[in-house]
Amino acid sequence: MTMHKRMATAAVFTLLAAVGCAGPPASDGARPPGPPPAPSREVRTLVLPLDAYQLDGRNAALIATAQEKLTTSCMARQGLDWPAIPHPATKTWPNRGRYGLAEPAVAARYGYRPIPDPASAAAEKLMGRRDAGLTAQQQKAAYGADGQSGCAARAQQELMRDVPKVNSDLVNEASLTAYKDSQQAPAVQKVFAAWRACMRSRGHDYPDPMAPNDDPRWTGEHPTHAETATAQDDVECKLKAHVVPVWMRADAALQRKAIKDHAERFRRIGDARDRYLENAQRHSRTESGSGDS
């Protein structure tokens, strides 16, 4: 399991977020974790140079709201209702799991499992209910006979109007390269060694701070006591060795270098992102029944 990749947003932009995996149910005292805790102060300071070229949760909510309003307008012109779903803006922390577990409360509650995202889960549930309740006429108007056109596709086209065509893969490529290469920085290797010694003193033998995430013992639907205990030791050792701030500084330096080395490509990506958000901002304020789609 990894703590690092995945979560896409609309169009060509991507957002990194922590993810994980789960296996079949386990015993050994496994219990359902509670709701997600607020991010720690350390997590709130995890801001990296490449974040400026990505979309956070508030941006994604803005885009989703604009698409709902454009789709509503398009459907209304055909004499059809569109049950719009609210997409409240929520603050997200895209680097929360970038350096593995970093928060005692998260370790105690979830072990190495992904932190739930109640807002996204609620929105997905609402969208599923809406689509299940559409009439055949509404379904065709919204998604087209092929399931890939109709008002929803026209709404997305409107949001992409005058947005320069760019290949944003560079953002993820630079992010992943910096993440990997930063681990070899002498300062990072030093704190990794301190973390490793701390973990061994507590009975854990892992080669680096990424290894506990992939421990094959972490199976089952919910974390066991052994998993959460290991996770808490992991976080305590990271804090003691200053793993996260040292690693982040090395990571950020490599990200800044990548942006400098590919300045023109990043400028175009930034311009496209800004234009996309300008379109979303304009249409998110458009009253239902109007619009260009």
Protein backbone atom coordinates (compact mmCIF):
# COMPACT_ATOMS: atom_id res chain seq x y z
CA MET A 1 0.00 0.00 0.00
CA THR A 2 1.25 3.53 -0.58
CA MET A 3 0.57 6.78 1.21
CA HIS A 4 1.30 8.97 -1.75
CA LYS A 5 -0.54 8.86 -5.07
CA ARG A 6 -3.89 9.29 -6.73
CA MET A 7 -6.91 11.52 -6.96
CA ALA A 8 -7.85 13.22 -10.20
CA THR A 9 -9.80 16.39 -10.86
CA ALA A 10 -11.59 17.61 -13.97
CA ALA A 11 -9.78 18.14 -17.29
CA VAL A 12 -5.98 18.03 -17.47
CA PHE A 13 -5.04 18.95 -13.91
CA THR A 14 -4.29 16.50 -11.11
CA LEU A 15 -4.22 16.61 -7.37
CA LEU A 16 -1.95 14.43 -5.25
CA ALA A 17 -3.45 12.90 -2.18
CA ALA A 18 -2.84 10.11 0.24
CA VAL A 19 -4.37 6.74 -0.61
CA GLY A 20 -4.11 3.21 0.70
CA CYS A 21 -5.63 -0.23 0.37
CA ALA A 22 -7.41 -2.83 2.41
CA GLY A 23 -7.81 -6.58 2.25
CA PRO A 24 -10.21 -9.17 3.66
CA PRO A 25 -11.64 -8.80 7.16
CA ALA A 26 -9.30 -9.50 10.06
CA SER A 27 -9.72 -10.36 13.70
CA ASP A 28 -6.98 -9.48 16.26
CA GLY A 29 -9.00 -6.67 17.81
CA ALA A 30 -9.66 -4.84 14.55
CA ARG A 31 -12.19 -2.04 14.96
CA PRO A 32 -13.77 0.60 12.73
CA PRO A 33 -11.89 3.92 13.08
CA GLY A 34 -13.73 7.13 13.95
CA PRO A 35 -14.07 10.30 11.87
CA PRO A 36 -10.91 11.94 10.54
CA PRO A 37 -9.06 14.25 12.92
CA ALA A 38 -8.16 17.81 11.98
CA PRO A 39 -4.73 18.08 10.35
CA SER A 40 -1.82 18.70 12.69
CA ARG A 41 0.21 21.91 12.66
CA GLU A 42 3.04 20.08 10.90
CA VAL A 43 0.73 18.95 8.10
CA ARG A 44 -0.67 22.46 7.69
CA THR A 45 2.85 23.71 6.94
CA LEU A 46 3.45 21.14 4.19
CA VAL A 47 3.25 23.54 1.24
CA LEU A 48 5.42 22.72 -1.77
CA PRO A 49 6.32 24.73 -4.91
CA LEU A 50 4.42 22.44 -7.28
CA ASP A 51 1.19 22.93 -5.32
CA ALA A 52 0.73 26.19 -7.25
CA TYR A 53 0.27 24.22 -10.49
CA GLN A 54 -2.35 21.81 -9.14
CA LEU A 55 -5.98 22.02 -8.03
CA ASP A 56 -6.90 21.76 -4.37
CA GLY A 57 -10.24 20.80 -2.86
CA ARG A 58 -11.62 24.33 -3.05
CA ASN A 59 -10.72 24.59 -6.74
CA ALA A 60 -12.35 21.23 -7.42
CA ALA A 61 -15.53 22.34 -5.64
CA LEU A 62 -15.58 25.56 -7.67
CA ILE A 63 -15.25 23.62 -10.92
CA ALA A 64 -17.93 21.11 -9.91
CA THR A 65 -20.33 23.93 -8.97
CA ALA A 66 -19.77 25.67 -12.31
CA GLN A 67 -20.36 22.42 -14.19
CA GLU A 68 -23.60 21.81 -12.27
CA LYS A 69 -24.88 25.29 -13.17
CA LEU A 70 -23.91 24.98 -16.84
CA THR A 71 -25.55 21.57 -17.05
CA THR A 72 -28.69 22.90 -15.33
CA SER A 73 -28.93 25.74 -17.87
CA CYS A 74 -28.43 23.39 -20.81
CA MET A 75 -31.09 21.00 -19.54
CA ALA A 76 -33.54 23.84 -18.86
CA ARG A 77 -33.30 24.99 -22.48
CA GLN A 78 -34.61 21.54 -23.39
CA GLY A 79 -37.45 21.83 -20.89
CA LEU A 80 -35.84 19.35 -18.50
CA ASP A 81 -34.89 19.52 -14.84
CA TRP A 82 -31.40 18.80 -13.58
CA PRO A 83 -31.17 17.96 -9.86
CA ALA A 84 -28.02 19.95 -9.10
CA ILE A 85 -25.85 18.69 -6.24
CA PRO A 86 -24.11 21.12 -3.88
CA HIS A 87 -20.33 20.99 -3.82
CA PRO A 88 -19.24 22.92 -0.73
CA ALA A 89 -15.66 24.18 -0.76
CA THR A 90 -13.52 22.28 1.70
CA LYS A 91 -9.87 22.78 2.56
CA THR A 92 -7.71 19.85 1.53
CA TRP A 93 -4.14 18.99 2.45
CA PRO A 94 -2.60 17.41 -0.67
CA ASN A 95 0.74 16.68 1.00
CA ARG A 96 -0.74 15.14 4.15
CA GLY A 97 0.52 11.66 3.30
CA ARG A 98 3.44 12.55 1.04
CA TYR A 99 6.07 11.63 3.64
CA GLY A 100 4.13 8.78 5.18
CA LEU A 101 2.40 9.03 8.52
CA ALA A 102 3.16 12.27 10.31
CA GLU A 103 0.32 12.71 12.83
CA PRO A 104 -0.14 10.85 16.13
CA ALA A 105 -3.95 11.09 15.99
CA VAL A 106 -4.07 9.64 12.48
CA ALA A 107 -1.68 6.83 13.38
CA ALA A 108 -3.75 5.90 16.44
CA ARG A 109 -7.03 5.94 14.55
CA TYR A 110 -6.21 4.55 11.11
CA GLY A 111 -2.82 2.89 11.26
CA TYR A 112 -1.63 2.81 7.65
CA ARG A 113 -5.12 3.02 6.12
CA PRO A 114 -6.27 5.99 4.03
CA ILE A 115 -7.87 8.87 5.86
CA PRO A 116 -11.55 8.96 4.87
CA ASP A 117 -12.88 11.89 2.86
CA PRO A 118 -16.49 12.29 4.06
CA ALA A 119 -17.24 15.25 1.76
CA SER A 120 -16.20 13.39 -1.40
CA ALA A 121 -17.98 10.23 -0.29
CA ALA A 122 -21.19 12.18 0.34
CA ALA A 123 -20.98 13.91 -3.06
CA GLU A 124 -20.41 10.59 -4.85
CA LYS A 125 -23.39 9.07 -3.06
CA LEU A 126 -25.60 12.00 -4.05
CA MET A 127 -24.46 11.81 -7.67
CA GLY A 128 -25.18 8.09 -7.76
CA ARG A 129 -28.68 8.65 -6.40
CA ARG A 130 -29.30 11.45 -8.88
CA ASP A 131 -28.21 9.40 -11.89
CA ALA A 132 -30.30 6.45 -10.73
CA GLY A 133 -33.38 8.69 -10.58
CA LEU A 134 -33.05 10.29 -14.03
CA THR A 135 -35.67 9.52 -16.63
CA ALA A 136 -34.51 8.11 -19.96
CA GLN A 137 -35.05 11.55 -21.51
CA GLN A 138 -33.00 13.27 -18.82
CA GLN A 139 -30.27 10.66 -19.09
CA LYS A 140 -29.94 11.15 -22.84
CA ALA A 141 -29.99 14.92 -22.61
CA ALA A 142 -27.42 14.98 -19.83
CA TYR A 143 -24.99 12.36 -21.10
CA GLY A 144 -25.93 11.73 -24.71
CA ALA A 145 -26.87 8.45 -26.32
CA ASP A 146 -23.23 7.38 -26.07
CA GLY A 147 -22.93 8.32 -22.40
CA GLN A 148 -20.12 10.73 -23.20
CA SER A 149 -21.80 13.78 -24.69
CA GLY A 150 -24.92 15.79 -23.93
CA CYS A 151 -25.17 18.72 -21.51
CA ALA A 152 -22.50 17.47 -19.13
CA ALA A 153 -19.92 17.30 -21.93
CA ARG A 154 -20.97 20.72 -23.25
CA ALA A 155 -20.57 22.13 -19.76
CA GLN A 156 -17.02 20.83 -19.60
CA GLN A 157 -16.30 22.25 -23.06
CA GLU A 158 -17.53 25.64 -21.88
CA LEU A 159 -15.24 25.48 -18.85
CA MET A 160 -12.32 24.74 -21.17
CA ARG A 161 -13.13 27.65 -23.52
CA ASP A 162 -9.97 29.64 -24.33
CA VAL A 163 -7.92 27.49 -21.95
CA PRO A 164 -4.51 26.97 -23.61
CA LYS A 165 -3.81 23.36 -24.50
CA VAL A 166 -1.00 22.08 -22.31
CA ASN A 167 0.40 18.76 -21.20
CA SER A 168 0.25 18.90 -17.41
CA ASP A 169 2.01 15.54 -17.00
CA LEU A 170 5.15 17.54 -16.24
CA VAL A 171 3.70 18.53 -12.86
CA ASN A 172 3.25 14.94 -11.70
CA GLU A 173 6.52 13.84 -13.28
CA ALA A 174 8.46 16.59 -11.51
CA SER A 175 6.67 15.84 -8.25
CA LEU A 176 7.43 12.13 -8.35
CA THR A 177 11.05 12.70 -9.40
CA ALA A 178 11.62 15.18 -6.57
CA TYR A 179 9.96 12.81 -4.11
CA LYS A 180 12.24 9.94 -5.11
CA ASP A 181 15.48 11.88 -5.55
CA SER A 182 15.05 13.82 -2.30
CA GLN A 183 15.35 10.55 -0.39
CA GLN A 184 19.00 10.33 -1.47
CA ALA A 185 19.96 13.77 -0.13
CA PRO A 186 22.60 13.43 2.62
CA ALA A 187 20.46 15.30 5.17
CA VAL A 188 17.50 13.04 4.42
CA GLN A 189 19.60 9.89 4.63
CA LYS A 190 20.84 11.09 8.03
CA VAL A 191 17.33 11.50 9.46
CA PHE A 192 16.28 8.20 7.88
CA ALA A 193 19.11 6.52 9.81
CA ALA A 194 17.96 8.19 13.03
CA TRP A 195 14.39 7.09 12.38
CA ARG A 196 15.56 3.52 11.64
CA ALA A 197 17.52 3.37 14.92
CA CYS A 198 14.54 4.70 16.84
CA MET A 199 12.24 2.09 15.31
CA ARG A 200 14.67 -0.73 16.04
CA SER A 201 14.81 0.36 19.67
CA ARG A 202 11.05 -0.24 19.74
CA GLY A 203 11.24 -3.66 18.10
CA HIS A 204 10.59 -2.70 14.46
CA ASP A 205 13.02 -3.52 11.64
CA TYR A 206 12.22 -1.40 8.58
CA PRO A 207 14.79 -0.09 6.07
CA ASP A 208 13.20 3.33 5.58
CA PRO A 209 10.11 5.37 6.53
CA MET A 210 8.17 4.20 3.46
CA ALA A 211 8.48 0.50 4.30
CA PRO A 212 5.91 0.25 7.13
CA ASN A 213 3.16 1.34 4.72
CA ASP A 214 3.71 -1.83 2.70
CA ASP A 215 3.96 -4.28 5.58
CA PRO A 216 2.00 -7.38 4.44
CA ARG A 217 0.66 -7.81 7.98
CA TRP A 218 -1.68 -4.86 7.50
CA THR A 219 -4.69 -6.72 6.13
CA GLY A 220 -8.35 -6.67 6.99
CA GLU A 221 -11.04 -4.07 6.73
CA HIS A 222 -9.91 -2.15 9.83
CA PRO A 223 -6.51 -1.63 11.47
CA THR A 224 -5.51 -4.01 14.23
CA HIS A 225 -3.88 -3.05 17.51
CA ALA A 226 -0.49 -4.20 16.17
CA GLU A 227 -0.87 -1.92 13.17
CA THR A 228 -1.86 1.19 15.11
CA ALA A 229 0.87 0.54 17.69
CA THR A 230 3.48 0.32 14.94
CA ALA A 231 2.06 3.42 13.29
CA GLN A 232 2.29 5.39 16.53
CA ASP A 233 5.90 4.32 17.01
CA ASP A 234 6.56 5.32 13.40
CA VAL A 235 5.19 8.83 13.91
CA GLU A 236 6.96 9.29 17.25
CA CYS A 237 10.26 8.30 15.64
CA LYS A 238 9.64 10.62 12.69
CA LEU A 239 9.00 13.50 15.07
CA LYS A 240 12.06 12.65 17.18
CA ALA A 241 14.33 12.46 14.10
CA HIS A 242 12.73 15.50 12.36
CA VAL A 243 12.13 13.36 9.27
CA VAL A 244 9.29 15.35 7.72
CA PRO A 245 10.74 18.89 7.81
CA VAL A 246 14.17 17.76 6.62
CA TRP A 247 12.69 15.64 3.83
CA MET A 248 10.30 18.40 2.81
CA ARG A 249 13.15 20.93 2.46
CA ALA A 250 15.06 18.58 0.16
CA ASP A 251 11.89 17.81 -1.81
CA ALA A 252 11.00 21.50 -2.17
CA ALA A 253 14.51 22.39 -3.38
CA LEU A 254 14.27 19.79 -6.15
CA GLN A 255 10.79 20.99 -7.10
CA ARG A 256 12.02 24.59 -7.37
CA LYS A 257 14.88 23.40 -9.59
CA ALA A 258 12.46 21.53 -11.85
CA ILE A 259 10.29 24.64 -12.19
CA LYS A 260 13.36 26.74 -13.04
CA ASP A 261 14.69 24.17 -15.52
CA HIS A 262 11.33 24.02 -17.35
CA ALA A 263 10.25 27.59 -16.73
CA GLU A 264 8.38 28.12 -20.01
CA ARG A 265 6.43 24.85 -19.77
CA PHE A 266 5.44 25.58 -16.19
CA ARG A 267 4.42 29.11 -17.16
CA ARG A 268 2.05 27.69 -19.78
CA ILE A 269 0.64 25.16 -17.32
CA GLY A 270 0.08 27.94 -14.78
CA ASP A 271 -1.62 30.13 -17.37
CA ALA A 272 -3.93 27.28 -18.39
CA ARG A 273 -4.80 26.54 -14.78
CA ASP A 274 -5.57 30.20 -14.10
CA ARG A 275 -7.78 30.50 -17.18
CA TYR A 276 -9.64 27.31 -16.29
CA LEU A 277 -10.35 28.61 -12.79
CA GLU A 278 -11.42 32.01 -14.16
CA ASN A 279 -13.99 30.25 -16.34
CA ALA A 280 -15.19 28.19 -13.38
CA GLN A 281 -15.43 31.27 -11.18
CA ARG A 282 -17.53 33.11 -13.76
CA HIS A 283 -19.91 30.23 -14.38
CA SER A 284 -20.22 29.27 -10.72
CA ARG A 285 -21.92 32.64 -10.23
CA THR A 286 -24.19 32.20 -13.25
CA GLU A 287 -27.82 31.79 -12.29
CA SER A 288 -29.57 28.58 -13.35
CA GLY A 289 -31.35 29.05 -16.63
CA SER A 290 -28.59 31.19 -18.16
CA GLY A 291 -25.15 30.35 -19.44
CA ASP A 292 -23.45 29.56 -22.73
CA SER A 293 -23.49 25.76 -22.94
